[in-house]
């Protein structure tokens, strides 16, 4: 009985081998392997761009609503006694966080708030200050909420890492098109004492910025404390 079973198995295996050699359906798999790299590249690029728009929308919403609280004097200047980066982080935790969508956090957020010394808009609208990459350097950050009647600009920056390393300025696709447009290489730490730190080591990021400029109303300050840097 055993030899008969082995013979049947051999016949079946030979038949499968002949069928495999005649089968041309594998061509579809080969064709997909050829087009899968550019297809997946375009797919991830769409995901990346969509996420950047989502971040921009979330930042614009949070910046506008946080700026309204400053404009109407609903932000107390007490407890702001650190550097601009630490004060910005504290402001994010206490004010901006209530308007941030769930996919953004204060740990990676950079806040810059400054007033015009000459009470004009021009000093707050230079090309350098309008560049989001400016605020990736802690020494360039400022934090001053101003006083009643002050002209204030609130800028909120969120560095978004690229989804794939091949889509960054350090990889090959950066040399063949717009895949790296808007990117900058960032090595730094964001976040203050309240939220811990988030470190970017020589990473390519898209610095997305939300901006809101306004003149504060003649409100009555909630506290008499002057923020360092004002």
Protein backbone atom coordinates (compact mmCIF):
# COMPACT_ATOMS: atom_id res chain seq x y z
CA UNK A 1 0.00 0.00 0.00
CA UNK A 2 2.81 2.40 0.90
CA UNK A 3 4.55 2.30 -2.52
CA UNK A 4 1.24 2.99 -4.25
CA UNK A 5 0.71 6.12 -2.11
CA UNK A 6 4.22 7.41 -2.82
CA UNK A 7 3.67 6.94 -6.55
CA UNK A 8 0.47 8.96 -6.42
CA UNK A 9 2.27 11.72 -4.55
CA UNK A 10 5.04 11.85 -7.15
CA UNK A 11 2.52 12.01 -10.00
CA UNK A 12 0.74 14.85 -8.22
CA UNK A 13 3.95 16.77 -7.67
CA UNK A 14 4.99 16.40 -11.30
CA UNK A 15 1.61 17.62 -12.42
CA UNK A 16 1.85 20.67 -10.18
CA UNK A 17 5.32 21.43 -11.55
CA UNK A 18 4.14 21.29 -15.17
CA UNK A 19 1.14 23.45 -14.32
CA UNK A 20 3.38 26.02 -12.61
CA UNK A 21 5.69 26.22 -15.64
CA UNK A 22 2.75 26.87 -17.97
CA UNK A 23 1.06 29.39 -15.62
CA UNK A 24 1.48 33.00 -16.83
CA UNK A 25 -0.52 34.61 -14.02
CA UNK A 26 2.70 35.51 -12.18
CA UNK A 27 3.22 38.31 -14.70
CA UNK A 28 0.78 40.43 -12.72
CA UNK A 29 2.91 40.03 -9.61
CA UNK A 30 6.05 41.05 -11.51
CA UNK A 31 4.30 44.08 -13.00
CA UNK A 32 3.06 45.13 -9.57
CA UNK A 33 6.58 44.78 -8.15
CA UNK A 34 7.83 47.16 -10.84
CA UNK A 35 5.20 49.86 -10.25
CA UNK A 36 4.85 49.40 -6.47
CA UNK A 37 7.79 51.67 -5.58
CA UNK A 38 6.54 54.80 -7.40
CA UNK A 39 2.95 53.96 -6.47
CA UNK A 40 3.71 53.71 -2.75
CA UNK A 41 5.91 56.81 -2.99
CA UNK A 42 3.03 58.85 -4.40
CA UNK A 43 0.67 57.35 -1.82
CA UNK A 44 2.90 58.36 1.10
CA UNK A 45 3.42 61.80 -0.43
CA UNK A 46 -0.37 62.26 -0.48
CA UNK A 47 -0.56 61.16 3.16
CA UNK A 48 2.26 63.57 4.08
CA UNK A 49 0.71 66.57 2.33
CA UNK A 50 -2.71 65.78 3.78
CA UNK A 51 -1.26 65.60 7.29
CA UNK A 52 0.57 68.91 6.81
CA UNK A 53 -2.70 70.58 5.82
CA UNK A 54 -4.34 68.99 8.87
CA UNK A 55 -1.61 70.35 11.15
CA UNK A 56 -1.90 73.78 9.56
CA UNK A 57 -5.65 73.85 10.13
CA UNK A 58 -5.25 72.77 13.75
CA UNK A 59 -2.55 75.37 14.42
CA UNK A 60 -4.56 78.17 12.84
CA UNK A 61 -7.57 77.32 15.00
CA UNK A 62 -5.57 77.08 18.23
CA UNK A 63 -3.55 80.23 17.51
CA UNK A 64 -6.63 82.31 16.75
CA UNK A 65 -8.50 81.28 19.90
CA UNK A 66 -5.44 81.66 22.15
CA UNK A 67 -4.79 85.11 20.68
CA UNK A 68 -8.36 86.17 21.47
CA UNK A 69 -7.72 85.43 25.15
CA UNK A 70 -4.62 87.63 25.06
CA UNK A 71 -6.48 90.34 23.15
CA UNK A 72 -9.24 90.55 25.75
CA UNK A 73 -6.91 90.33 28.76
CA UNK A 74 -8.04 86.89 29.92
CA UNK A 75 -4.49 85.59 30.36
CA UNK A 76 -2.80 86.22 33.69
CA UNK A 77 0.88 87.12 33.43
CA UNK A 78 1.63 85.49 36.80
CA UNK A 79 3.93 82.43 36.86
CA UNK A 80 5.83 83.50 33.73
CA UNK A 81 9.36 83.85 35.08
CA UNK A 82 11.55 81.69 32.85
CA UNK A 83 13.12 81.98 29.44
CA UNK A 84 11.08 82.63 26.31
CA UNK A 85 11.04 78.88 25.51
CA UNK A 86 9.89 77.90 29.01
CA UNK A 87 7.26 80.66 29.16
CA UNK A 88 6.02 79.65 25.73
CA UNK A 89 5.68 76.06 26.90
CA UNK A 90 3.81 77.18 30.00
CA UNK A 91 1.47 79.28 27.84
CA UNK A 92 0.85 76.25 25.63
CA UNK A 93 0.01 74.02 28.61
CA UNK A 94 -2.29 76.56 30.24
CA UNK A 95 -3.91 78.26 27.24
CA UNK A 96 -3.23 76.79 23.80
CA UNK A 97 -3.69 73.15 24.81
CA UNK A 98 -7.43 73.59 25.30
CA UNK A 99 -7.76 74.45 21.60
CA UNK A 100 -5.23 71.98 20.14
CA UNK A 101 -6.58 68.93 18.28
CA UNK A 102 -5.66 65.52 19.69
CA UNK A 103 -2.95 64.88 17.08
CA UNK A 104 -0.90 67.91 18.27
CA UNK A 105 0.76 68.42 21.63
CA UNK A 106 2.65 71.06 23.59
CA UNK A 107 5.72 68.85 23.81
CA UNK A 108 6.69 69.70 20.22
CA UNK A 109 5.05 73.11 19.96
CA UNK A 110 7.08 76.33 19.82
CA UNK A 111 5.39 79.58 20.89
CA UNK A 112 6.59 83.07 20.00
CA UNK A 113 4.70 86.17 21.16
CA UNK A 114 6.04 89.68 20.77
CA UNK A 115 4.89 93.28 20.77
CA UNK A 116 5.84 96.25 18.63
CA UNK A 117 8.15 98.72 20.35
CA UNK A 118 7.07 101.50 18.00
CA UNK A 119 3.39 100.49 18.05
CA UNK A 120 3.48 99.83 14.30
CA UNK A 121 2.98 96.63 12.34
CA UNK A 122 6.14 96.92 10.22
CA UNK A 123 8.54 95.88 13.01
CA UNK A 124 6.61 92.61 13.45
CA UNK A 125 6.34 91.68 9.78
CA UNK A 126 9.91 91.28 8.51
CA UNK A 127 10.82 88.38 6.23
CA UNK A 128 12.90 86.80 9.01
CA UNK A 129 10.06 86.82 11.52
CA UNK A 130 7.68 85.43 8.90
CA UNK A 131 9.94 82.40 8.36
CA UNK A 132 8.92 79.47 10.55
CA UNK A 133 12.49 78.12 10.63
CA UNK A 134 13.49 81.21 12.65
CA UNK A 135 11.78 79.87 15.75
CA UNK A 136 13.48 76.46 15.66
CA UNK A 137 16.41 78.21 17.35
CA UNK A 138 15.65 78.94 21.02
CA UNK A 139 17.69 82.16 21.04
CA UNK A 140 15.39 83.61 18.37
CA UNK A 141 12.24 83.01 20.39
CA UNK A 142 10.50 85.78 22.29
CA UNK A 143 7.57 85.78 24.67
CA UNK A 144 5.75 88.98 25.60
CA UNK A 145 1.98 89.25 25.81
CA UNK A 146 2.05 93.04 25.89
CA UNK A 147 -0.33 95.32 27.70
CA UNK A 148 -3.73 96.95 27.00
CA UNK A 149 -3.65 98.57 23.57
CA UNK A 150 -0.42 96.84 22.47
CA UNK A 151 0.07 95.50 18.97
CA UNK A 152 0.87 91.79 19.40
CA UNK A 153 1.73 88.96 17.04
CA UNK A 154 1.37 85.37 18.25
CA UNK A 155 3.22 82.77 16.22
CA UNK A 156 2.94 79.04 16.92
CA UNK A 157 5.31 76.61 15.16
CA UNK A 158 5.03 72.83 14.98
CA UNK A 159 7.91 70.84 13.38
CA UNK A 160 6.44 67.86 11.52
CA UNK A 161 8.88 65.03 10.66
CA UNK A 162 8.65 63.44 7.23
CA UNK A 163 6.86 60.07 7.16
CA UNK A 164 9.62 58.37 5.16
CA UNK A 165 13.35 59.12 5.33
CA UNK A 166 13.60 58.81 1.55
CA UNK A 167 11.30 61.85 1.24
CA UNK A 168 13.65 64.11 3.21
CA UNK A 169 16.41 66.52 2.29
CA UNK A 170 18.97 63.92 3.40
CA UNK A 171 17.79 61.21 1.03
CA UNK A 172 17.73 60.65 -2.72
CA UNK A 173 14.21 61.82 -3.60
CA UNK A 174 15.11 65.31 -2.40
CA UNK A 175 17.26 65.72 -5.51
CA UNK A 176 14.63 64.91 -8.12
CA UNK A 177 11.69 67.16 -7.38
CA UNK A 178 9.59 68.94 -4.82
CA UNK A 179 9.46 66.09 -2.32
CA UNK A 180 11.58 68.11 0.11
CA UNK A 181 10.02 71.51 -0.51
CA UNK A 182 9.53 73.41 2.72
CA UNK A 183 11.79 71.10 4.73
CA UNK A 184 14.66 72.09 6.98
CA UNK A 185 17.15 70.00 8.92
CA UNK A 186 16.49 70.41 12.61
CA UNK A 187 18.63 69.42 15.56
CA UNK A 188 17.17 70.75 18.75
CA UNK A 189 14.94 70.31 21.74
CA UNK A 190 11.43 71.65 22.17
CA UNK A 191 9.27 71.66 25.22
CA UNK A 192 9.93 73.18 28.61
CA UNK A 193 10.00 71.94 32.18
CA UNK A 194 6.26 71.31 32.30
CA UNK A 195 6.01 68.93 29.37
CA UNK A 196 9.39 67.27 29.24
CA UNK A 197 11.46 67.43 26.11
CA UNK A 198 11.22 66.16 22.57
CA UNK A 199 14.57 65.92 20.79
CA UNK A 200 15.07 66.09 17.04
CA UNK A 201 18.56 64.98 16.05
CA UNK A 202 19.45 66.12 12.55
CA UNK A 203 15.96 65.33 11.31
CA UNK A 204 14.21 66.80 8.31
CA UNK A 205 11.02 68.54 9.40
CA UNK A 206 8.33 70.72 7.92
CA UNK A 207 8.02 73.74 10.27
CA UNK A 208 4.31 74.60 10.10
CA UNK A 209 3.35 77.98 11.56
CA UNK A 210 0.07 79.52 12.71
CA UNK A 211 -0.01 83.32 13.00
CA UNK A 212 -2.46 85.77 14.53
CA UNK A 213 -1.82 89.52 14.75
CA UNK A 214 -4.01 91.93 16.69
CA UNK A 215 -4.21 95.06 18.80
CA UNK A 216 -5.14 94.31 22.40
CA UNK A 217 -8.28 95.82 23.83
CA UNK A 218 -8.10 98.34 26.72
CA UNK A 219 -8.66 95.62 29.27
CA UNK A 220 -7.86 95.60 32.98
CA UNK A 221 -4.87 93.25 33.55
CA UNK A 222 -5.52 90.19 35.70
CA UNK A 223 -2.14 90.60 37.36
CA UNK A 224 0.56 93.24 37.67
CA UNK A 225 3.42 90.84 36.90
CA UNK A 226 5.66 91.81 34.00
CA UNK A 227 6.86 88.90 31.90
CA UNK A 228 10.65 88.75 31.43
CA UNK A 229 11.46 90.03 27.96
CA UNK A 230 8.60 92.54 27.79
